[in-house]
PDB file of N, CA and C in Angstrom:
ATOM      1  N   MET A   1       2.284  -8.948 -14.491  1.00  0.00           N
ATOM      2  CA  MET A   1       2.698  -9.868 -13.421  1.00  0.00           C
ATOM      3  C   MET A   1       2.530 -11.225 -13.740  1.00  0.00           C
ATOM      4  N   THR A   2       3.376 -12.021 -13.256  1.00  0.00           N
ATOM      5  CA  THR A   2       3.491 -13.516 -13.384  1.00  0.00           C
ATOM      6  C   THR A   2       2.392 -14.112 -12.455  1.00  0.00           C
ATOM      7  N   SER A   3       1.690 -15.166 -13.092  1.00  0.00           N
ATOM      8  CA  SER A   3       0.710 -15.921 -12.075  1.00  0.00           C
ATOM      9  C   SER A   3       1.407 -17.084 -11.614  1.00  0.00           C
ATOM     10  N   ALA A   4       1.367 -17.315 -10.378  1.00  0.00           N
ATOM     11  CA  ALA A   4       1.927 -18.334  -9.611  1.00  0.00           C
ATOM     12  C   ALA A   4       0.927 -19.312  -9.134  1.00  0.00           C
ATOM     13  N   ASN A   5       1.333 -20.555  -9.160  1.00  0.00           N
ATOM     14  CA  ASN A   5       0.348 -21.585  -8.725  1.00  0.00           C
ATOM     15  C   ASN A   5       0.770 -21.914  -7.190  1.00  0.00           C
ATOM     16  N   TYR A   6       0.014 -21.308  -6.442  1.00  0.00           N
ATOM     17  CA  TYR A   6       0.275 -21.458  -4.975  1.00  0.00           C
ATOM     18  C   TYR A   6      -0.061 -22.890  -4.435  1.00  0.00           C
ATOM     19  N   GLU A   7      -0.883 -23.640  -5.086  1.00  0.00           N
ATOM     20  CA  GLU A   7      -1.292 -24.884  -4.689  1.00  0.00           C
ATOM     21  C   GLU A   7      -0.124 -25.906  -4.834  1.00  0.00           C
ATOM     22  N   THR A   8       0.809 -25.640  -5.902  1.00  0.00           N
ATOM     23  CA  THR A   8       1.772 -26.586  -5.976  1.00  0.00           C
ATOM     24  C   THR A   8       3.127 -26.316  -5.165  1.00  0.00           C
ATOM     25  N   MET A   9       3.021 -25.105  -4.533  1.00  0.00           N
ATOM     26  CA  MET A   9       4.171 -24.736  -3.582  1.00  0.00           C
ATOM     27  C   MET A   9       4.008 -25.356  -2.172  1.00  0.00           C
ATOM     28  N   GLY A  10       5.193 -25.723  -1.746  1.00  0.00           N
ATOM     29  CA  GLY A  10       5.196 -26.292  -0.310  1.00  0.00           C
ATOM     30  C   GLY A  10       5.001 -24.980   0.601  1.00  0.00           C
ATOM     31  N   LEU A  11       4.595 -25.333   1.861  1.00  0.00           N
ATOM     32  CA  LEU A  11       4.416 -24.104   2.682  1.00  0.00           C
ATOM     33  C   LEU A  11       5.494 -23.090   2.916  1.00  0.00           C
ATOM     34  N   ASP A  12       6.823 -23.697   2.992  1.00  0.00           N
ATOM     35  CA  ASP A  12       7.914 -22.945   3.157  1.00  0.00           C
ATOM     36  C   ASP A  12       8.302 -22.128   1.893  1.00  0.00           C
ATOM     37  N   GLU A  13       8.034 -22.740   0.743  1.00  0.00           N
ATOM     38  CA  GLU A  13       8.237 -22.213  -0.534  1.00  0.00           C
ATOM     39  C   GLU A  13       7.253 -21.025  -0.619  1.00  0.00           C
ATOM     40  N   LEU A  14       6.034 -21.244  -0.346  1.00  0.00           N
ATOM     41  CA  LEU A  14       4.965 -20.208  -0.397  1.00  0.00           C
ATOM     42  C   LEU A  14       5.359 -19.052   0.545  1.00  0.00           C
ATOM     43  N   ARG A  15       5.859 -19.314   1.815  1.00  0.00           N
ATOM     44  CA  ARG A  15       6.272 -18.238   2.713  1.00  0.00           C
ATOM     45  C   ARG A  15       7.386 -17.344   1.983  1.00  0.00           C
ATOM     46  N   GLN A  16       8.342 -18.078   1.353  1.00  0.00           N
ATOM     47  CA  GLN A  16       9.262 -17.252   0.774  1.00  0.00           C
ATOM     48  C   GLN A  16       8.788 -16.394  -0.478  1.00  0.00           C
ATOM     49  N   TYR A  17       7.821 -16.941  -1.133  1.00  0.00           N
ATOM     50  CA  TYR A  17       7.149 -16.199  -2.381  1.00  0.00           C
ATOM     51  C   TYR A  17       6.476 -15.055  -1.564  1.00  0.00           C
ATOM     52  N   VAL A  18       5.806 -15.125  -0.561  1.00  0.00           N
ATOM     53  CA  VAL A  18       4.880 -14.052   0.017  1.00  0.00           C
ATOM     54  C   VAL A  18       6.108 -13.109   0.502  1.00  0.00           C
ATOM     55  N   LEU A  19       7.129 -13.435   1.074  1.00  0.00           N
ATOM     56  CA  LEU A  19       7.987 -12.344   1.522  1.00  0.00           C
ATOM     57  C   LEU A  19       8.759 -11.735   0.437  1.00  0.00           C
ATOM     58  N   THR A  20       8.924 -12.289  -0.724  1.00  0.00           N
ATOM     59  CA  THR A  20       9.456 -11.678  -1.924  1.00  0.00           C
ATOM     60  C   THR A  20       8.501 -10.812  -2.717  1.00  0.00           C
ATOM     61  N   HIS A  21       7.155 -11.352  -2.683  1.00  0.00           N
ATOM     62  CA  HIS A  21       6.281 -10.466  -3.430  1.00  0.00           C
ATOM     63  C   HIS A  21       5.070  -9.971  -2.510  1.00  0.00           C
ATOM     64  N   ARG A  22       5.533  -8.983  -1.565  1.00  0.00           N
ATOM     65  CA  ARG A  22       4.742  -8.490  -0.472  1.00  0.00           C
ATOM     66  C   ARG A  22       3.396  -7.907  -0.924  1.00  0.00           C
ATOM     67  N   GLU A  23       3.397  -7.544  -2.285  1.00  0.00           N
ATOM     68  CA  GLU A  23       2.165  -6.689  -2.793  1.00  0.00           C
ATOM     69  C   GLU A  23       1.124  -7.667  -3.222  1.00  0.00           C
ATOM     70  N   ASN A  24       1.410  -9.036  -3.085  1.00  0.00           N
ATOM     71  CA  ASN A  24       0.520 -10.205  -3.588  1.00  0.00           C
ATOM     72  C   ASN A  24      -0.351 -10.578  -2.552  1.00  0.00           C
ATOM     73  N   ILE A  25      -1.416  -9.795  -2.320  1.00  0.00           N
ATOM     74  CA  ILE A  25      -2.344 -10.104  -1.189  1.00  0.00           C
ATOM     75  C   ILE A  25      -2.946 -11.567  -1.252  1.00  0.00           C
ATOM     76  N   GLN A  26      -3.348 -11.986  -2.513  1.00  0.00           N
ATOM     77  CA  GLN A  26      -3.870 -13.270  -2.697  1.00  0.00           C
ATOM     78  C   GLN A  26      -2.993 -14.322  -2.202  1.00  0.00           C
ATOM     79  N   ALA A  27      -1.611 -14.273  -2.522  1.00  0.00           N
ATOM     80  CA  ALA A  27      -0.668 -15.311  -2.027  1.00  0.00           C
ATOM     81  C   ALA A  27      -0.622 -15.152  -0.497  1.00  0.00           C
ATOM     82  N   PHE A  28      -0.649 -13.948   0.007  1.00  0.00           N
ATOM     83  CA  PHE A  28      -0.615 -13.892   1.431  1.00  0.00           C
ATOM     84  C   PHE A  28      -1.784 -14.563   2.067  1.00  0.00           C
ATOM     85  N   HIS A  29      -2.965 -14.409   1.647  1.00  0.00           N
ATOM     86  CA  HIS A  29      -4.244 -15.020   2.268  1.00  0.00           C
ATOM     87  C   HIS A  29      -4.079 -16.688   1.972  1.00  0.00           C
ATOM     88  N   VAL A  30      -3.565 -17.009   0.994  1.00  0.00           N
ATOM     89  CA  VAL A  30      -3.350 -18.508   0.629  1.00  0.00           C
ATOM     90  C   VAL A  30      -2.460 -19.044   1.715  1.00  0.00           C
ATOM     91  N   TYR A  31      -1.317 -18.247   2.056  1.00  0.00           N
ATOM     92  CA  TYR A  31      -0.264 -18.695   3.070  1.00  0.00           C
ATOM     93  C   TYR A  31      -0.810 -18.631   4.400  1.00  0.00           C
ATOM     94  N   VAL A  32      -1.560 -17.750   4.873  1.00  0.00           N
ATOM     95  CA  VAL A  32      -2.321 -17.553   6.274  1.00  0.00           C
ATOM     96  C   VAL A  32      -3.309 -18.814   6.242  1.00  0.00           C
ATOM     97  N   ASP A  33      -4.069 -18.988   5.482  1.00  0.00           N
ATOM     98  CA  ASP A  33      -5.120 -20.214   5.457  1.00  0.00           C
ATOM     99  C   ASP A  33      -4.257 -21.624   5.515  1.00  0.00           C
ATOM    100  N   ARG A  34      -3.220 -21.778   4.778  1.00  0.00           N
ATOM    101  CA  ARG A  34      -2.594 -23.027   4.843  1.00  0.00           C
ATOM    102  C   ARG A  34      -1.725 -23.272   6.072  1.00  0.00           C
ATOM    103  N   SER A  35      -1.283 -22.089   6.610  1.00  0.00           N
ATOM    104  CA  SER A  35      -0.483 -22.090   7.880  1.00  0.00           C
ATOM    105  C   SER A  35      -1.384 -22.394   9.039  1.00  0.00           C
ATOM    106  N   LYS A  36      -2.688 -21.881   8.992  1.00  0.00           N
ATOM    107  CA  LYS A  36      -3.480 -22.189  10.100  1.00  0.00           C
ATOM    108  C   LYS A  36      -4.018 -23.728   9.999  1.00  0.00           C
ATOM    109  N   ALA A  37      -4.163 -24.187   8.637  1.00  0.00           N
ATOM    110  CA  ALA A  37      -4.724 -25.566   8.556  1.00  0.00           C
ATOM    111  C   ALA A  37      -3.641 -26.490   8.953  1.00  0.00           C
ATOM    112  N   SER A  38      -2.209 -26.164   8.721  1.00  0.00           N
ATOM    113  CA  SER A  38      -1.195 -27.054   9.125  1.00  0.00           C
ATOM    114  C   SER A  38      -0.810 -27.070  10.589  1.00  0.00           C
ATOM    115  N   GLY A  39      -1.400 -26.081  11.256  1.00  0.00           N
ATOM    116  CA  GLY A  39      -1.170 -25.955  12.698  1.00  0.00           C
ATOM    117  C   GLY A  39       0.187 -25.169  12.957  1.00  0.00           C
ATOM    118  N   ARG A  40       0.753 -24.430  12.057  1.00  0.00           N
ATOM    119  CA  ARG A  40       1.955 -23.670  12.082  1.00  0.00           C
ATOM    120  C   ARG A  40       1.642 -22.300  12.689  1.00  0.00           C
ATOM    121  N   MET A  41       0.415 -21.886  12.642  1.00  0.00           N
ATOM    122  CA  MET A  41       0.037 -20.512  13.047  1.00  0.00           C
ATOM    123  C   MET A  41      -0.827 -20.686  14.348  1.00  0.00           C
ATOM    124  N   ILE A  42      -0.270 -19.924  15.458  1.00  0.00           N
ATOM    125  CA  ILE A  42      -1.143 -19.768  16.593  1.00  0.00           C
ATOM    126  C   ILE A  42      -1.795 -18.564  16.637  1.00  0.00           C
ATOM    127  N   THR A  43      -3.104 -18.689  16.924  1.00  0.00           N
ATOM    128  CA  THR A  43      -3.960 -17.481  17.074  1.00  0.00           C
ATOM    129  C   THR A  43      -4.388 -17.281  18.539  1.00  0.00           C
ATOM    130  N   ILE A  44      -4.583 -15.941  18.841  1.00  0.00           N
ATOM    131  CA  ILE A  44      -5.138 -15.609  20.210  1.00  0.00           C
ATOM    132  C   ILE A  44      -6.307 -14.823  20.108  1.00  0.00           C
ATOM    133  N   ASP A  45      -7.087 -14.620  21.275  1.00  0.00           N
ATOM    134  CA  ASP A  45      -8.160 -13.824  21.379  1.00  0.00           C
ATOM    135  C   ASP A  45      -7.841 -12.858  22.324  1.00  0.00           C
ATOM    136  N   PRO A  46      -7.505 -11.523  21.916  1.00  0.00           N
ATOM    137  CA  PRO A  46      -6.912 -10.647  22.955  1.00  0.00           C
ATOM    138  C   PRO A  46      -8.006 -10.166  23.957  1.00  0.00           C
ATOM    139  N   SER A  47      -9.202 -10.373  23.599  1.00  0.00           N
ATOM    140  CA  SER A  47     -10.342  -9.974  24.562  1.00  0.00           C
ATOM    141  C   SER A  47     -10.454 -10.990  25.851  1.00  0.00           C
ATOM    142  N   ASP A  48      -9.875 -12.211  25.583  1.00  0.00           N
ATOM    143  CA  ASP A  48      -9.923 -13.270  26.713  1.00  0.00           C
ATOM    144  C   ASP A  48      -8.918 -12.807  27.783  1.00  0.00           C
ATOM    145  N   PRO A  49      -9.375 -12.637  28.970  1.00  0.00           N
ATOM    146  CA  PRO A  49      -8.518 -12.209  30.052  1.00  0.00           C
ATOM    147  C   PRO A  49      -7.400 -13.229  30.248  1.00  0.00           C
ATOM    148  N   GLN A  50      -7.594 -14.508  29.806  1.00  0.00           N
ATOM    149  CA  GLN A  50      -6.508 -15.499  29.876  1.00  0.00           C
ATOM    150  C   GLN A  50      -5.620 -15.806  28.737  1.00  0.00           C
ATOM    151  N   TRP A  51      -5.665 -14.825  27.962  1.00  0.00           N
ATOM    152  CA  TRP A  51      -4.933 -14.941  26.624  1.00  0.00           C
ATOM    153  C   TRP A  51      -3.491 -15.262  26.754  1.00  0.00           C
ATOM    154  N   GLU A  52      -2.910 -14.625  27.850  1.00  0.00           N
ATOM    155  CA  GLU A  52      -1.433 -14.942  27.864  1.00  0.00           C
ATOM    156  C   GLU A  52      -1.189 -16.383  28.395  1.00  0.00           C
ATOM    157  N   GLU A  53      -1.977 -16.847  29.281  1.00  0.00           N
ATOM    158  CA  GLU A  53      -1.910 -18.196  29.788  1.00  0.00           C
ATOM    159  C   GLU A  53      -2.207 -19.148  28.661  1.00  0.00           C
ATOM    160  N   ASN A  54      -3.069 -18.960  27.848  1.00  0.00           N
ATOM    161  CA  ASN A  54      -3.531 -19.709  26.636  1.00  0.00           C
ATOM    162  C   ASN A  54      -2.424 -19.737  25.707  1.00  0.00           C
ATOM    163  N   LEU A  55      -1.762 -18.641  25.382  1.00  0.00           N
ATOM    164  CA  LEU A  55      -0.676 -18.529  24.557  1.00  0.00           C
ATOM    165  C   LEU A  55       0.361 -19.443  24.981  1.00  0.00           C
ATOM    166  N   ASP A  56       0.756 -19.270  26.296  1.00  0.00           N
ATOM    167  CA  ASP A  56       1.898 -19.989  26.749  1.00  0.00           C
ATOM    168  C   ASP A  56       1.548 -21.609  26.685  1.00  0.00           C
ATOM    169  N   ARG A  57       0.512 -21.964  26.933  1.00  0.00           N
ATOM    170  CA  ARG A  57      -0.029 -23.418  26.804  1.00  0.00           C
ATOM    171  C   ARG A  57       0.022 -23.746  25.315  1.00  0.00           C
ATOM    172  N   LYS A  58      -0.253 -23.047  24.341  1.00  0.00           N
ATOM    173  CA  LYS A  58      -0.167 -23.348  22.953  1.00  0.00           C
ATOM    174  C   LYS A  58       1.182 -23.547  22.488  1.00  0.00           C
ATOM    175  N   ILE A  59       2.068 -22.631  23.003  1.00  0.00           N
ATOM    176  CA  ILE A  59       3.389 -22.498  22.525  1.00  0.00           C
ATOM    177  C   ILE A  59       4.071 -23.935  23.220  1.00  0.00           C
ATOM    178  N   GLU A  60       3.911 -24.132  24.469  1.00  0.00           N
ATOM    179  CA  GLU A  60       4.462 -25.420  25.161  1.00  0.00           C
ATOM    180  C   GLU A  60       4.000 -26.626  24.372  1.00  0.00           C
ATOM    181  N   SER A  61       2.821 -26.734  23.976  1.00  0.00           N
ATOM    182  CA  SER A  61       2.214 -27.918  23.291  1.00  0.00           C
ATOM    183  C   SER A  61       2.890 -27.972  21.968  1.00  0.00           C
ATOM    184  N   LYS A  62       3.003 -26.862  21.312  1.00  0.00           N
ATOM    185  CA  LYS A  62       3.731 -26.860  20.033  1.00  0.00           C
ATOM    186  C   LYS A  62       5.146 -27.356  20.143  1.00  0.00           C
ATOM    187  N   ILE A  63       5.927 -26.837  21.287  1.00  0.00           N
ATOM    188  CA  ILE A  63       7.372 -27.287  21.405  1.00  0.00           C
ATOM    189  C   ILE A  63       7.284 -28.830  21.746  1.00  0.00           C
ATOM    190  N   SER A  64       6.358 -29.137  22.627  1.00  0.00           N
ATOM    191  CA  SER A  64       6.640 -30.589  23.112  1.00  0.00           C
ATOM    192  C   SER A  64       6.284 -31.412  21.959  1.00  0.00           C
ATOM    193  N   GLY A  65       5.354 -31.108  21.071  1.00  0.00           N
ATOM    194  CA  GLY A  65       4.983 -31.905  19.916  1.00  0.00           C
ATOM    195  C   GLY A  65       6.224 -32.015  19.014  1.00  0.00           C
ATOM    196  N   GLU A  66       6.878 -30.853  18.725  1.00  0.00           N
ATOM    197  CA  GLU A  66       7.969 -30.925  17.740  1.00  0.00           C
ATOM    198  C   GLU A  66       9.162 -31.741  18.279  1.00  0.00           C
ATOM    199  N   ALA A  67       9.336 -31.854  19.623  1.00  0.00           N
ATOM    200  CA  ALA A  67      10.481 -32.397  20.220  1.00  0.00           C
ATOM    201  C   ALA A  67      10.276 -34.010  20.280  1.00  0.00           C
ATOM    202  N   ALA A  68       8.876 -34.385  20.199  1.00  0.00           N
ATOM    203  CA  ALA A  68       8.696 -35.711  19.982  1.00  0.00           C
ATOM    204  C   ALA A  68       8.931 -36.344  18.713  1.00  0.00           C
ATOM    205  N   ASN A  69       8.996 -35.499  17.619  1.00  0.00           N
ATOM    206  CA  ASN A  69       9.018 -36.012  16.364  1.00  0.00           C
ATOM    207  C   ASN A  69      10.517 -36.227  16.067  1.00  0.00           C
TER     208      ASN A  69
END
């Protein structure tokens, strides 16, 4: 197996790599960590009774933030 340098890949390039190499769990974990750090990944707490409202708020915030750019 070829060793890839995930740190030199952009986030979109890393995403494509993960989709192409689905068996590479290490690459997947790097992608998830970097996605969270960049704010591209929204997480929810399903045990929170307000999770749907919180998710809607996060999505609206993300959309309005992207529209401002």
